[in-house]
Amino acid sequence: MSTSHPVPLARLEEIYRTPFFDLIQQSRSVHLQNWDEDNVQLCTLLSVKTGGCSEDCSYCAQSSRYDTGVKAGKLMGCSEILPIAKQARESGTTRFCMGAAWKGVKAGDPRFDSMLETVREVSKLGMEVCVTLGQLGDEEALQLKDAGVTAYNHNIDTSPEHYPNIVSSHTFEDRLNTIASVQKAGMAVCCGGIIGMGETERDRLRMLEVLCGFNPPPESVPINCLMSMPGTPLEEQPPVDIFQLVRLIAVARIVLPKARIRLSAGRTRMTREGQALCFFAGANSIFYGDKLLTAENPGTNEDLDLLRAIDLAPLEQAQRAEQGVPAV
């Protein structure tokens, strides 16, 4: 098992301030040392329960506290989810993620039992299974692990200092407690954050400092750019500067060399060239499909065209080529 390698904030700031081309050259070198192929993992994210969340996360259109036009839906059942998961696998996805908009889960709750049933069936399809269900404790984490969850997504969002400006209905420590339960159960941790929420560049690096202190380090690190949703407190936030994003990805690649750096929300606001820079700097995973919970995402054909244009391949195609299996 890999162990954590805490990186002091001063060191992170030093890396971040490296001249731009020197920085991305360094991160590219680290990437090539740790990842054998120029491939990108495609992950499909499905909202299995949309809207009506009791939390007050300022960025989220699914909070019941804001008038965003997102209506509360019921939890999807296994029979609804399984065909979508099969279709995702056929399209090249190697990780299937399911997200539910609620505060957390409790053992014995019928909704949680329903999710466990779904996980058991989806796990039979041969993909990695990731869920994001809010807060959970040791017992719930063990049940998810036993059902077949390979990774649990629970973002820390931003720095501990900036977090109270974004959320008041739970604490940063609550996030860490859930992550501790996930790791105790033996699931991989998918944990990153959102930039563009009024935080400073130092806040972003503090977020990385916390991630570097996880033991073991996160298996994947989603880096989201805020999609400012109408009706939320952050609806007026401007788009993130692409060079700040690339710098952050480069630093993440250098200090978390074994993690998949997932280029997540916000790609509809990026040019193809901007996304290519992110891949060069060390991003090697994307969410695939035209929807990220409630936010728009590039279409699947757009993504495949982009990867072809810059000579990258979806992970499944690369694995097939290694095994001598024709692409489908």
C-alpha atoms as a PDB file:
ATOM      1  CA  MET A   1       0.000   0.000   0.000  1.00  0.00           C
ATOM      2  CA  SER A   2       1.322   3.427  -0.883  1.00  0.00           C
ATOM      3  CA  THR A   3       1.787   5.837   1.978  1.00  0.00           C
ATOM      4  CA  SER A   4       1.272   9.550   2.167  1.00  0.00           C
ATOM      5  CA  HIS A   5       4.020  12.026   1.422  1.00  0.00           C
ATOM      6  CA  PRO A   6       2.918  15.323   2.964  1.00  0.00           C
ATOM      7  CA  VAL A   7       4.067  18.332   0.967  1.00  0.00           C
ATOM      8  CA  PRO A   8       4.354  21.641   2.856  1.00  0.00           C
ATOM      9  CA  LEU A   9       2.396  24.586   1.512  1.00  0.00           C
ATOM     10  CA  ALA A  10       5.620  26.537   0.971  1.00  0.00           C
ATOM     11  CA  ARG A  11       6.883  23.793  -1.325  1.00  0.00           C
ATOM     12  CA  LEU A  12       3.607  23.684  -3.244  1.00  0.00           C
ATOM     13  CA  GLU A  13       3.756  27.437  -3.757  1.00  0.00           C
ATOM     14  CA  GLU A  14       7.340  27.136  -4.974  1.00  0.00           C
ATOM     15  CA  ILE A  15       6.347  24.516  -7.542  1.00  0.00           C
ATOM     16  CA  TYR A  16       3.273  26.506  -8.603  1.00  0.00           C
ATOM     17  CA  ARG A  17       5.385  29.644  -9.252  1.00  0.00           C
ATOM     18  CA  THR A  18       7.823  27.805 -11.505  1.00  0.00           C
ATOM     19  CA  PRO A  19       7.940  29.462 -14.950  1.00  0.00           C
ATOM     20  CA  PHE A  20       5.004  28.071 -16.888  1.00  0.00           C
ATOM     21  CA  PHE A  21       6.790  26.047 -19.568  1.00  0.00           C
ATOM     22  CA  ASP A  22       9.313  24.686 -17.082  1.00  0.00           C
ATOM     23  CA  LEU A  23       6.430  23.664 -14.821  1.00  0.00           C
ATOM     24  CA  ILE A  24       4.451  21.752 -17.429  1.00  0.00           C
ATOM     25  CA  GLN A  25       7.639  20.152 -18.777  1.00  0.00           C
ATOM     26  CA  GLN A  26       8.378  18.904 -15.263  1.00  0.00           C
ATOM     27  CA  SER A  27       4.842  17.635 -14.726  1.00  0.00           C
ATOM     28  CA  ARG A  28       4.896  15.919 -18.121  1.00  0.00           C
ATOM     29  CA  SER A  29       8.088  14.139 -17.131  1.00  0.00           C
ATOM     30  CA  VAL A  30       6.523  12.932 -13.873  1.00  0.00           C
ATOM     31  CA  HIS A  31       3.460  11.785 -15.780  1.00  0.00           C
ATOM     32  CA  LEU A  32       5.498   9.723 -18.260  1.00  0.00           C
ATOM     33  CA  GLN A  33       7.479   8.136 -15.424  1.00  0.00           C
ATOM     34  CA  ASN A  34       4.317   6.886 -13.738  1.00  0.00           C
ATOM     35  CA  TRP A  35       1.842   6.183 -16.524  1.00  0.00           C
ATOM     36  CA  ASP A  36       2.866   3.792 -19.300  1.00  0.00           C
ATOM     37  CA  GLU A  37       0.516   4.820 -22.071  1.00  0.00           C
ATOM     38  CA  ASP A  38      -0.854   8.038 -23.485  1.00  0.00           C
ATOM     39  CA  ASN A  39      -4.380   7.050 -22.615  1.00  0.00           C
ATOM     40  CA  VAL A  40      -7.285   8.729 -20.898  1.00  0.00           C
ATOM     41  CA  GLN A  41      -9.760   6.972 -18.646  1.00  0.00           C
ATOM     42  CA  LEU A  42     -13.369   7.660 -19.593  1.00  0.00           C
ATOM     43  CA  CYS A  43     -15.733   7.825 -16.615  1.00  0.00           C
ATOM     44  CA  THR A  44     -19.493   8.067 -16.839  1.00  0.00           C
ATOM     45  CA  LEU A  45     -21.307   9.931 -14.067  1.00  0.00           C
ATOM     46  CA  LEU A  46     -25.008   9.291 -13.554  1.00  0.00           C
ATOM     47  CA  SER A  47     -27.212  11.256 -11.173  1.00  0.00           C
ATOM     48  CA  VAL A  48     -29.290   8.487  -9.611  1.00  0.00           C
ATOM     49  CA  LYS A  49     -31.140  10.880  -7.313  1.00  0.00           C
ATOM     50  CA  THR A  50     -31.354  14.513  -8.443  1.00  0.00           C
ATOM     51  CA  GLY A  51     -32.296  17.626  -6.468  1.00  0.00           C
ATOM     52  CA  GLY A  52     -33.950  18.176  -3.118  1.00  0.00           C
ATOM     53  CA  CYS A  53     -30.709  18.080  -1.132  1.00  0.00           C
ATOM     54  CA  SER A  54     -30.864  19.590   2.361  1.00  0.00           C
ATOM     55  CA  GLU A  55     -27.277  20.867   2.245  1.00  0.00           C
ATOM     56  CA  ASP A  56     -26.427  24.489   1.388  1.00  0.00           C
ATOM     57  CA  CYS A  57     -23.327  24.065  -0.817  1.00  0.00           C
ATOM     58  CA  SER A  58     -23.140  27.437  -2.575  1.00  0.00           C
ATOM     59  CA  TYR A  59     -22.138  25.986  -5.925  1.00  0.00           C
ATOM     60  CA  CYS A  60     -24.840  23.334  -6.178  1.00  0.00           C
ATOM     61  CA  ALA A  61     -28.048  23.616  -8.184  1.00  0.00           C
ATOM     62  CA  GLN A  62     -29.410  20.554  -6.370  1.00  0.00           C
ATOM     63  CA  SER A  63     -29.741  22.278  -3.002  1.00  0.00           C
ATOM     64  CA  SER A  64     -33.370  22.665  -1.894  1.00  0.00           C
ATOM     65  CA  ARG A  65     -32.390  26.019  -0.368  1.00  0.00           C
ATOM     66  CA  TYR A  66     -31.942  27.724  -3.748  1.00  0.00           C
ATOM     67  CA  ASP A  67     -34.369  28.459  -6.556  1.00  0.00           C
ATOM     68  CA  THR A  68     -32.496  26.916  -9.463  1.00  0.00           C
ATOM     69  CA  GLY A  69     -35.266  25.204 -11.368  1.00  0.00           C
ATOM     70  CA  VAL A  70     -33.914  21.740 -10.496  1.00  0.00           C
ATOM     71  CA  LYS A  71     -36.797  19.629  -9.250  1.00  0.00           C
ATOM     72  CA  ALA A  72     -36.356  16.928  -6.631  1.00  0.00           C
ATOM     73  CA  GLY A  73     -36.475  13.456  -8.126  1.00  0.00           C
ATOM     74  CA  LYS A  74     -36.794   9.973  -6.695  1.00  0.00           C
ATOM     75  CA  LEU A  75     -33.925   7.534  -6.361  1.00  0.00           C
ATOM     76  CA  MET A  76     -33.559   5.487  -9.536  1.00  0.00           C
ATOM     77  CA  GLY A  77     -33.945   1.754  -9.134  1.00  0.00           C
ATOM     78  CA  CYS A  78     -31.577  -0.955 -10.286  1.00  0.00           C
ATOM     79  CA  SER A  79     -33.748  -1.777 -13.314  1.00  0.00           C
ATOM     80  CA  GLU A  80     -33.424   1.843 -14.507  1.00  0.00           C
ATOM     81  CA  ILE A  81     -29.700   2.184 -13.833  1.00  0.00           C
ATOM     82  CA  LEU A  82     -28.419  -1.124 -15.188  1.00  0.00           C
ATOM     83  CA  PRO A  83     -29.207  -0.480 -18.894  1.00  0.00           C
ATOM     84  CA  ILE A  84     -27.446   2.904 -18.647  1.00  0.00           C
ATOM     85  CA  ALA A  85     -24.407   1.255 -17.070  1.00  0.00           C
ATOM     86  CA  LYS A  86     -24.311  -1.366 -19.833  1.00  0.00           C
ATOM     87  CA  GLN A  87     -24.519   1.339 -22.485  1.00  0.00           C
ATOM     88  CA  ALA A  88     -21.694   3.243 -20.774  1.00  0.00           C
ATOM     89  CA  ARG A  89     -19.504   0.141 -20.819  1.00  0.00           C
ATOM     90  CA  GLU A  90     -20.208  -0.391 -24.513  1.00  0.00           C
ATOM     91  CA  SER A  91     -19.229   3.225 -25.251  1.00  0.00           C
ATOM     92  CA  GLY A  92     -15.764   2.754 -23.732  1.00  0.00           C
ATOM     93  CA  THR A  93     -16.303   3.765 -20.116  1.00  0.00           C
ATOM     94  CA  THR A  94     -14.140   1.861 -17.630  1.00  0.00           C
ATOM     95  CA  ARG A  95     -15.495   3.571 -14.497  1.00  0.00           C
ATOM     96  CA  PHE A  96     -19.192   4.051 -13.774  1.00  0.00           C
ATOM     97  CA  CYS A  97     -20.004   6.662 -11.125  1.00  0.00           C
ATOM     98  CA  MET A  98     -23.370   7.091  -9.435  1.00  0.00           C
ATOM     99  CA  GLY A  99     -24.235  10.225  -7.475  1.00  0.00           C
ATOM    100  CA  ALA A 100     -27.176  10.924  -5.167  1.00  0.00           C
ATOM    101  CA  ALA A 101     -28.138  14.376  -3.911  1.00  0.00           C
ATOM    102  CA  TRP A 102     -28.611  13.902  -0.194  1.00  0.00           C
ATOM    103  CA  LYS A 103     -26.767  14.641   3.042  1.00  0.00           C
ATOM    104  CA  GLY A 104     -25.616  11.090   3.590  1.00  0.00           C
ATOM    105  CA  VAL A 105     -26.630   7.460   3.998  1.00  0.00           C
ATOM    106  CA  LYS A 106     -27.489   5.282   6.974  1.00  0.00           C
ATOM    107  CA  ALA A 107     -27.395   1.506   7.265  1.00  0.00           C
ATOM    108  CA  GLY A 108     -30.910   0.088   7.232  1.00  0.00           C
ATOM    109  CA  ASP A 109     -32.429   2.939   5.228  1.00  0.00           C
ATOM    110  CA  PRO A 110     -34.433   1.438   2.313  1.00  0.00           C
ATOM    111  CA  ARG A 111     -32.806   3.915  -0.092  1.00  0.00           C
ATOM    112  CA  PHE A 112     -29.370   2.744   0.975  1.00  0.00           C
ATOM    113  CA  ASP A 113     -30.414  -0.897   0.591  1.00  0.00           C
ATOM    114  CA  SER A 114     -31.592  -0.042  -2.929  1.00  0.00           C
ATOM    115  CA  MET A 115     -28.197   1.489  -3.749  1.00  0.00           C
ATOM    116  CA  LEU A 116     -26.429  -1.600  -2.418  1.00  0.00           C
ATOM    117  CA  GLU A 117     -28.526  -3.788  -4.719  1.00  0.00           C
ATOM    118  CA  THR A 118     -27.677  -1.558  -7.677  1.00  0.00           C
ATOM    119  CA  VAL A 119     -23.963  -1.631  -6.871  1.00  0.00           C
ATOM    120  CA  ARG A 120     -24.000  -5.440  -6.727  1.00  0.00           C
ATOM    121  CA  GLU A 121     -25.490  -5.633 -10.212  1.00  0.00           C
ATOM    122  CA  VAL A 122     -23.363  -2.892 -11.791  1.00  0.00           C
ATOM    123  CA  SER A 123     -20.189  -4.428 -10.366  1.00  0.00           C
ATOM    124  CA  LYS A 124     -20.886  -7.576 -12.413  1.00  0.00           C
ATOM    125  CA  LEU A 125     -20.333  -5.585 -15.639  1.00  0.00           C
ATOM    126  CA  GLY A 126     -16.565  -5.461 -15.224  1.00  0.00           C
ATOM    127  CA  MET A 127     -16.188  -1.705 -14.747  1.00  0.00           C
ATOM    128  CA  GLU A 128     -14.852   0.141 -11.738  1.00  0.00           C
ATOM    129  CA  VAL A 129     -17.807   1.228  -9.604  1.00  0.00           C
ATOM    130  CA  CYS A 130     -17.701   4.621  -7.905  1.00  0.00           C
ATOM    131  CA  VAL A 131     -20.449   6.220  -5.838  1.00  0.00           C
ATOM    132  CA  THR A 132     -20.914   9.590  -4.194  1.00  0.00           C
ATOM    133  CA  LEU A 133     -23.666   9.491  -1.605  1.00  0.00           C
ATOM    134  CA  GLY A 134     -22.646  12.181   0.863  1.00  0.00           C
ATOM    135  CA  GLN A 135     -21.566  11.463   4.420  1.00  0.00           C
ATOM    136  CA  LEU A 136     -21.214   7.929   5.703  1.00  0.00           C
ATOM    137  CA  GLY A 137     -19.716   6.102   8.667  1.00  0.00           C
ATOM    138  CA  ASP A 138     -17.684   2.934   9.128  1.00  0.00           C
ATOM    139  CA  GLU A 139     -20.637   0.528   8.853  1.00  0.00           C
ATOM    140  CA  GLU A 140     -22.022   2.083   5.657  1.00  0.00           C
ATOM    141  CA  ALA A 141     -18.546   2.158   4.102  1.00  0.00           C
ATOM    142  CA  LEU A 142     -18.041  -1.545   4.789  1.00  0.00           C
ATOM    143  CA  GLN A 143     -21.409  -2.396   3.255  1.00  0.00           C
ATOM    144  CA  LEU A 144     -20.564  -0.426   0.107  1.00  0.00           C
ATOM    145  CA  LYS A 145     -17.190  -2.140  -0.130  1.00  0.00           C
ATOM    146  CA  ASP A 146     -18.775  -5.577   0.285  1.00  0.00           C
ATOM    147  CA  ALA A 147     -21.367  -4.760  -2.387  1.00  0.00           C
ATOM    148  CA  GLY A 148     -18.647  -4.016  -4.933  1.00  0.00           C
ATOM    149  CA  VAL A 149     -17.811  -0.307  -4.745  1.00  0.00           C
ATOM    150  CA  THR A 150     -14.208   0.202  -5.818  1.00  0.00           C
ATOM    151  CA  ALA A 151     -13.970   3.945  -5.155  1.00  0.00           C
ATOM    152  CA  TYR A 152     -15.906   6.517  -3.169  1.00  0.00           C
ATOM    153  CA  ASN A 153     -16.024  10.105  -4.354  1.00  0.00           C
ATOM    154  CA  HIS A 154     -16.106  12.725  -1.619  1.00  0.00           C
ATOM    155  CA  ASN A 155     -14.493  16.006  -2.631  1.00  0.00           C
ATOM    156  CA  ILE A 156     -13.043  18.371  -0.046  1.00  0.00           C
ATOM    157  CA  ASP A 157     -13.931  21.172  -2.523  1.00  0.00           C
ATOM    158  CA  THR A 158     -11.443  23.820  -1.355  1.00  0.00           C
ATOM    159  CA  SER A 159      -9.116  24.757   1.498  1.00  0.00           C
ATOM    160  CA  PRO A 160     -10.174  24.263   5.140  1.00  0.00           C
ATOM    161  CA  GLU A 161     -10.044  28.044   5.563  1.00  0.00           C
ATOM    162  CA  HIS A 162     -12.307  28.861   2.610  1.00  0.00           C
ATOM    163  CA  TYR A 163     -14.717  25.977   3.187  1.00  0.00           C
ATOM    164  CA  PRO A 164     -17.009  27.835   5.667  1.00  0.00           C
ATOM    165  CA  ASN A 165     -17.558  30.502   2.978  1.00  0.00           C
ATOM    166  CA  ILE A 166     -18.965  27.829   0.674  1.00  0.00           C
ATOM    167  CA  VAL A 167     -20.887  25.493   2.994  1.00  0.00           C
ATOM    168  CA  SER A 168     -22.409  25.977   6.452  1.00  0.00           C
ATOM    169  CA  SER A 169     -24.585  22.854   6.817  1.00  0.00           C
ATOM    170  CA  HIS A 170     -21.585  20.610   7.455  1.00  0.00           C
ATOM    171  CA  THR A 171     -17.916  21.128   8.210  1.00  0.00           C
ATOM    172  CA  PHE A 172     -14.619  20.389   6.532  1.00  0.00           C
ATOM    173  CA  GLU A 173     -13.968  17.919   9.353  1.00  0.00           C
ATOM    174  CA  ASP A 174     -17.162  16.079   8.390  1.00  0.00           C
ATOM    175  CA  ARG A 175     -15.682  15.561   4.927  1.00  0.00           C
ATOM    176  CA  LEU A 176     -12.464  14.179   6.394  1.00  0.00           C
ATOM    177  CA  ASN A 177     -14.371  11.834   8.703  1.00  0.00           C
ATOM    178  CA  THR A 178     -16.201  10.284   5.752  1.00  0.00           C
ATOM    179  CA  ILE A 179     -12.924   9.877   3.858  1.00  0.00           C
ATOM    180  CA  ALA A 180     -11.428   8.167   6.922  1.00  0.00           C
ATOM    181  CA  SER A 181     -14.322   5.671   6.963  1.00  0.00           C
ATOM    182  CA  VAL A 182     -13.880   5.010   3.231  1.00  0.00           C
ATOM    183  CA  GLN A 183     -10.180   4.289   3.664  1.00  0.00           C
ATOM    184  CA  LYS A 184     -10.785   2.140   6.740  1.00  0.00           C
ATOM    185  CA  ALA A 185     -13.152  -0.012   4.672  1.00  0.00           C
ATOM    186  CA  GLY A 186     -10.514  -0.473   1.978  1.00  0.00           C
ATOM    187  CA  MET A 187     -12.153   1.485  -0.819  1.00  0.00           C
ATOM    188  CA  ALA A 188     -10.125   3.827  -2.989  1.00  0.00           C
ATOM    189  CA  VAL A 189     -10.705   7.530  -2.430  1.00  0.00           C
ATOM    190  CA  CYS A 190     -11.680   9.796  -5.317  1.00  0.00           C
ATOM    191  CA  CYS A 191     -11.229  13.263  -3.869  1.00  0.00           C
ATOM    192  CA  GLY A 192     -10.522  16.668  -5.329  1.00  0.00           C
ATOM    193  CA  GLY A 193     -12.130  20.055  -5.460  1.00  0.00           C
ATOM    194  CA  ILE A 194     -13.691  22.938  -7.323  1.00  0.00           C
ATOM    195  CA  ILE A 195     -11.856  26.068  -8.354  1.00  0.00           C
ATOM    196  CA  GLY A 196     -13.438  29.377  -9.268  1.00  0.00           C
ATOM    197  CA  MET A 197     -15.495  29.764  -6.081  1.00  0.00           C
ATOM    198  CA  GLY A 198     -13.870  33.023  -5.008  1.00  0.00           C
ATOM    199  CA  GLU A 199     -10.901  31.283  -3.417  1.00  0.00           C
ATOM    200  CA  THR A 200      -7.276  32.408  -3.741  1.00  0.00           C
ATOM    201  CA  GLU A 201      -4.538  30.461  -5.490  1.00  0.00           C
ATOM    202  CA  ARG A 202      -3.184  29.772  -2.006  1.00  0.00           C
ATOM    203  CA  ASP A 203      -6.515  28.137  -1.100  1.00  0.00           C
ATOM    204  CA  ARG A 204      -6.157  25.832  -4.076  1.00  0.00           C
ATOM    205  CA  LEU A 205      -2.702  24.799  -2.961  1.00  0.00           C
ATOM    206  CA  ARG A 206      -3.924  24.290   0.607  1.00  0.00           C
ATOM    207  CA  MET A 207      -6.464  21.881  -0.854  1.00  0.00           C
ATOM    208  CA  LEU A 208      -3.608  19.957  -2.497  1.00  0.00           C
ATOM    209  CA  GLU A 209      -1.687  20.044   0.771  1.00  0.00           C
ATOM    210  CA  VAL A 210      -4.592  18.283   2.502  1.00  0.00           C
ATOM    211  CA  LEU A 211      -4.872  15.694  -0.286  1.00  0.00           C
ATOM    212  CA  CYS A 212      -1.156  14.931  -0.077  1.00  0.00           C
ATOM    213  CA  GLY A 213      -1.609  14.172   3.622  1.00  0.00           C
ATOM    214  CA  PHE A 214      -4.126  11.346   3.025  1.00  0.00           C
ATOM    215  CA  ASN A 215      -2.784   7.896   3.846  1.00  0.00           C
ATOM    216  CA  PRO A 216      -2.927   6.330   1.343  1.00  0.00           C
ATOM    217  CA  PRO A 217      -3.076   9.238  -1.123  1.00  0.00           C
ATOM    218  CA  PRO A 218      -6.263   9.592  -3.197  1.00  0.00           C
ATOM    219  CA  GLU A 219      -6.468   7.167  -6.091  1.00  0.00           C
ATOM    220  CA  SER A 220      -8.015   9.859  -8.273  1.00  0.00           C
ATOM    221  CA  VAL A 221      -8.257  13.630  -7.980  1.00  0.00           C
ATOM    222  CA  PRO A 222     -11.098  15.365  -9.845  1.00  0.00           C
ATOM    223  CA  ILE A 223     -10.358  19.013 -10.564  1.00  0.00           C
ATOM    224  CA  ASN A 224     -13.580  20.846 -11.326  1.00  0.00           C
ATOM    225  CA  CYS A 225     -13.961  24.376 -12.613  1.00  0.00           C
ATOM    226  CA  LEU A 226     -17.081  25.996 -11.214  1.00  0.00           C
ATOM    227  CA  MET A 227     -20.068  25.900 -13.525  1.00  0.00           C
ATOM    228  CA  SER A 228     -21.892  28.919 -12.105  1.00  0.00           C
ATOM    229  CA  MET A 229     -25.498  27.805 -11.861  1.00  0.00           C
ATOM    230  CA  PRO A 230     -28.359  30.355 -11.947  1.00  0.00           C
ATOM    231  CA  GLY A 231     -30.039  30.675  -8.586  1.00  0.00           C
ATOM    232  CA  THR A 232     -27.023  29.657  -6.534  1.00  0.00           C
ATOM    233  CA  PRO A 233     -24.996  32.119  -4.432  1.00  0.00           C
ATOM    234  CA  LEU A 234     -22.040  31.681  -6.807  1.00  0.00           C
ATOM    235  CA  GLU A 235     -23.947  32.333 -10.032  1.00  0.00           C
ATOM    236  CA  GLU A 236     -21.960  35.504 -10.795  1.00  0.00           C
ATOM    237  CA  GLN A 237     -18.497  33.981 -10.443  1.00  0.00           C
ATOM    238  CA  PRO A 238     -16.345  34.468 -13.570  1.00  0.00           C
ATOM    239  CA  PRO A 239     -14.770  31.535 -15.454  1.00  0.00           C
ATOM    240  CA  VAL A 240     -11.424  30.182 -14.263  1.00  0.00           C
ATOM    241  CA  ASP A 241      -8.296  31.355 -16.079  1.00  0.00           C
ATOM    242  CA  ILE A 242      -7.039  28.422 -18.161  1.00  0.00           C
ATOM    243  CA  PHE A 243      -3.404  28.967 -17.221  1.00  0.00           C
ATOM    244  CA  GLN A 244      -4.233  28.873 -13.525  1.00  0.00           C
ATOM    245  CA  LEU A 245      -6.043  25.588 -14.120  1.00  0.00           C
ATOM    246  CA  VAL A 246      -3.113  24.108 -16.036  1.00  0.00           C
ATOM    247  CA  ARG A 247      -0.695  25.195 -13.307  1.00  0.00           C
ATOM    248  CA  LEU A 248      -2.847  23.497 -10.667  1.00  0.00           C
ATOM    249  CA  ILE A 249      -3.059  20.283 -12.693  1.00  0.00           C
ATOM    250  CA  ALA A 250       0.703  20.325 -13.176  1.00  0.00           C
ATOM    251  CA  VAL A 251       1.339  20.731  -9.447  1.00  0.00           C
ATOM    252  CA  ALA A 252      -1.162  17.967  -8.667  1.00  0.00           C
ATOM    253  CA  ARG A 253       0.590  15.647 -11.102  1.00  0.00           C
ATOM    254  CA  ILE A 254       4.000  16.376  -9.553  1.00  0.00           C
ATOM    255  CA  VAL A 255       2.970  15.879  -5.918  1.00  0.00           C
ATOM    256  CA  LEU A 256       0.434  13.071  -6.527  1.00  0.00           C
ATOM    257  CA  PRO A 257       2.214  11.113  -9.270  1.00  0.00           C
ATOM    258  CA  LYS A 258       0.190   7.900  -8.887  1.00  0.00           C
ATOM    259  CA  ALA A 259      -3.252   9.532  -8.855  1.00  0.00           C
ATOM    260  CA  ARG A 260      -5.463   9.836 -11.881  1.00  0.00           C
ATOM    261  CA  ILE A 261      -5.973  13.556 -12.322  1.00  0.00           C
ATOM    262  CA  ARG A 262      -9.531  13.880 -13.575  1.00  0.00           C
ATOM    263  CA  LEU A 263     -10.438  16.882 -15.700  1.00  0.00           C
ATOM    264  CA  SER A 264     -14.016  17.283 -14.538  1.00  0.00           C
ATOM    265  CA  ALA A 265     -16.720  19.982 -14.612  1.00  0.00           C
ATOM    266  CA  GLY A 266     -16.166  23.119 -16.632  1.00  0.00           C
ATOM    267  CA  ARG A 267     -14.821  21.632 -19.853  1.00  0.00           C
ATOM    268  CA  THR A 268     -17.629  23.201 -21.900  1.00  0.00           C
ATOM    269  CA  ARG A 269     -16.006  26.559 -21.111  1.00  0.00           C
ATOM    270  CA  MET A 270     -12.573  25.424 -22.326  1.00  0.00           C
ATOM    271  CA  THR A 271     -11.203  25.412 -25.835  1.00  0.00           C
ATOM    272  CA  ARG A 272      -9.841  22.215 -27.333  1.00  0.00           C
ATOM    273  CA  GLU A 273      -6.388  23.745 -27.038  1.00  0.00           C
ATOM    274  CA  GLY A 274      -6.932  24.473 -23.340  1.00  0.00           C
ATOM    275  CA  GLN A 275      -7.979  20.889 -22.689  1.00  0.00           C
ATOM    276  CA  ALA A 276      -4.964  19.626 -24.635  1.00  0.00           C
ATOM    277  CA  LEU A 277      -2.705  21.676 -22.351  1.00  0.00           C
ATOM    278  CA  CYS A 278      -4.379  20.071 -19.339  1.00  0.00           C
ATOM    279  CA  PHE A 279      -3.668  16.598 -20.722  1.00  0.00           C
ATOM    280  CA  PHE A 280      -0.057  17.548 -21.433  1.00  0.00           C
ATOM    281  CA  ALA A 281       0.326  18.816 -17.871  1.00  0.00           C
ATOM    282  CA  GLY A 282      -0.845  15.520 -16.418  1.00  0.00           C
ATOM    283  CA  ALA A 283      -4.632  15.090 -16.575  1.00  0.00           C
ATOM    284  CA  ASN A 284      -5.435  11.539 -17.649  1.00  0.00           C
ATOM    285  CA  SER A 285      -9.125  11.059 -17.017  1.00  0.00           C
ATOM    286  CA  ILE A 286     -12.366  12.800 -17.950  1.00  0.00           C
ATOM    287  CA  PHE A 287     -16.040  12.463 -17.215  1.00  0.00           C
ATOM    288  CA  TYR A 288     -17.604  11.229 -20.421  1.00  0.00           C
ATOM    289  CA  GLY A 289     -21.160  11.988 -21.511  1.00  0.00           C
ATOM    290  CA  ASP A 290     -23.238  15.087 -22.141  1.00  0.00           C
ATOM    291  CA  LYS A 291     -24.255  15.636 -18.503  1.00  0.00           C
ATOM    292  CA  LEU A 292     -22.428  15.971 -15.176  1.00  0.00           C
ATOM    293  CA  LEU A 293     -25.230  15.694 -12.630  1.00  0.00           C
ATOM    294  CA  THR A 294     -26.959  18.991 -13.574  1.00  0.00           C
ATOM    295  CA  ALA A 295     -24.135  20.689 -15.533  1.00  0.00           C
ATOM    296  CA  GLU A 296     -23.476  20.477 -19.254  1.00  0.00           C
ATOM    297  CA  ASN A 297     -20.522  18.432 -20.491  1.00  0.00           C
ATOM    298  CA  PRO A 298     -18.983  18.036 -23.960  1.00  0.00           C
ATOM    299  CA  GLY A 299     -20.662  15.423 -26.138  1.00  0.00           C
ATOM    300  CA  THR A 300     -19.073  11.993 -26.460  1.00  0.00           C
ATOM    301  CA  ASN A 301     -18.189  12.510 -30.123  1.00  0.00           C
ATOM    302  CA  GLU A 302     -16.510  15.817 -29.266  1.00  0.00           C
ATOM    303  CA  ASP A 303     -14.364  14.093 -26.668  1.00  0.00           C
ATOM    304  CA  LEU A 304     -13.370  11.211 -28.932  1.00  0.00           C
ATOM    305  CA  ASP A 305     -12.546  13.657 -31.743  1.00  0.00           C
ATOM    306  CA  LEU A 306     -10.360  15.682 -29.372  1.00  0.00           C
ATOM    307  CA  LEU A 307      -8.481  12.624 -28.112  1.00  0.00           C
ATOM    308  CA  ARG A 308      -7.858  11.462 -31.683  1.00  0.00           C
ATOM    309  CA  ALA A 309      -6.641  14.920 -32.691  1.00  0.00           C
ATOM    310  CA  ILE A 310      -3.958  14.914 -29.990  1.00  0.00           C
ATOM    311  CA  ASP A 311      -3.046  11.219 -30.377  1.00  0.00           C
ATOM    312  CA  LEU A 312      -4.505  10.028 -27.094  1.00  0.00           C
ATOM    313  CA  ALA A 313      -6.660   6.940 -26.741  1.00  0.00           C
ATOM    314  CA  PRO A 314      -9.439   5.967 -24.360  1.00  0.00           C
ATOM    315  CA  LEU A 315      -8.108   3.562 -21.738  1.00  0.00           C
ATOM    316  CA  GLU A 316     -10.254   0.650 -22.914  1.00  0.00           C
ATOM    317  CA  GLN A 317      -8.938   0.940 -26.478  1.00  0.00           C
ATOM    318  CA  ALA A 318      -5.365   0.993 -25.185  1.00  0.00           C
ATOM    319  CA  GLN A 319      -6.018  -2.116 -23.072  1.00  0.00           C
ATOM    320  CA  ARG A 320      -7.583  -3.889 -26.056  1.00  0.00           C
ATOM    321  CA  ALA A 321      -4.578  -3.049 -28.211  1.00  0.00           C
ATOM    322  CA  GLU A 322      -2.221  -4.455 -25.582  1.00  0.00           C
ATOM    323  CA  GLN A 323      -4.218  -7.678 -25.531  1.00  0.00           C
ATOM    324  CA  GLY A 324      -4.454  -7.887 -29.318  1.00  0.00           C
ATOM    325  CA  VAL A 325      -8.234  -7.489 -29.248  1.00  0.00           C
ATOM    326  CA  PRO A 326      -9.755  -5.529 -32.161  1.00  0.00           C
ATOM    327  CA  ALA A 327     -11.404  -2.244 -31.241  1.00  0.00           C
ATOM    328  CA  VAL A 328     -15.201  -2.250 -31.396  1.00  0.00           C
END
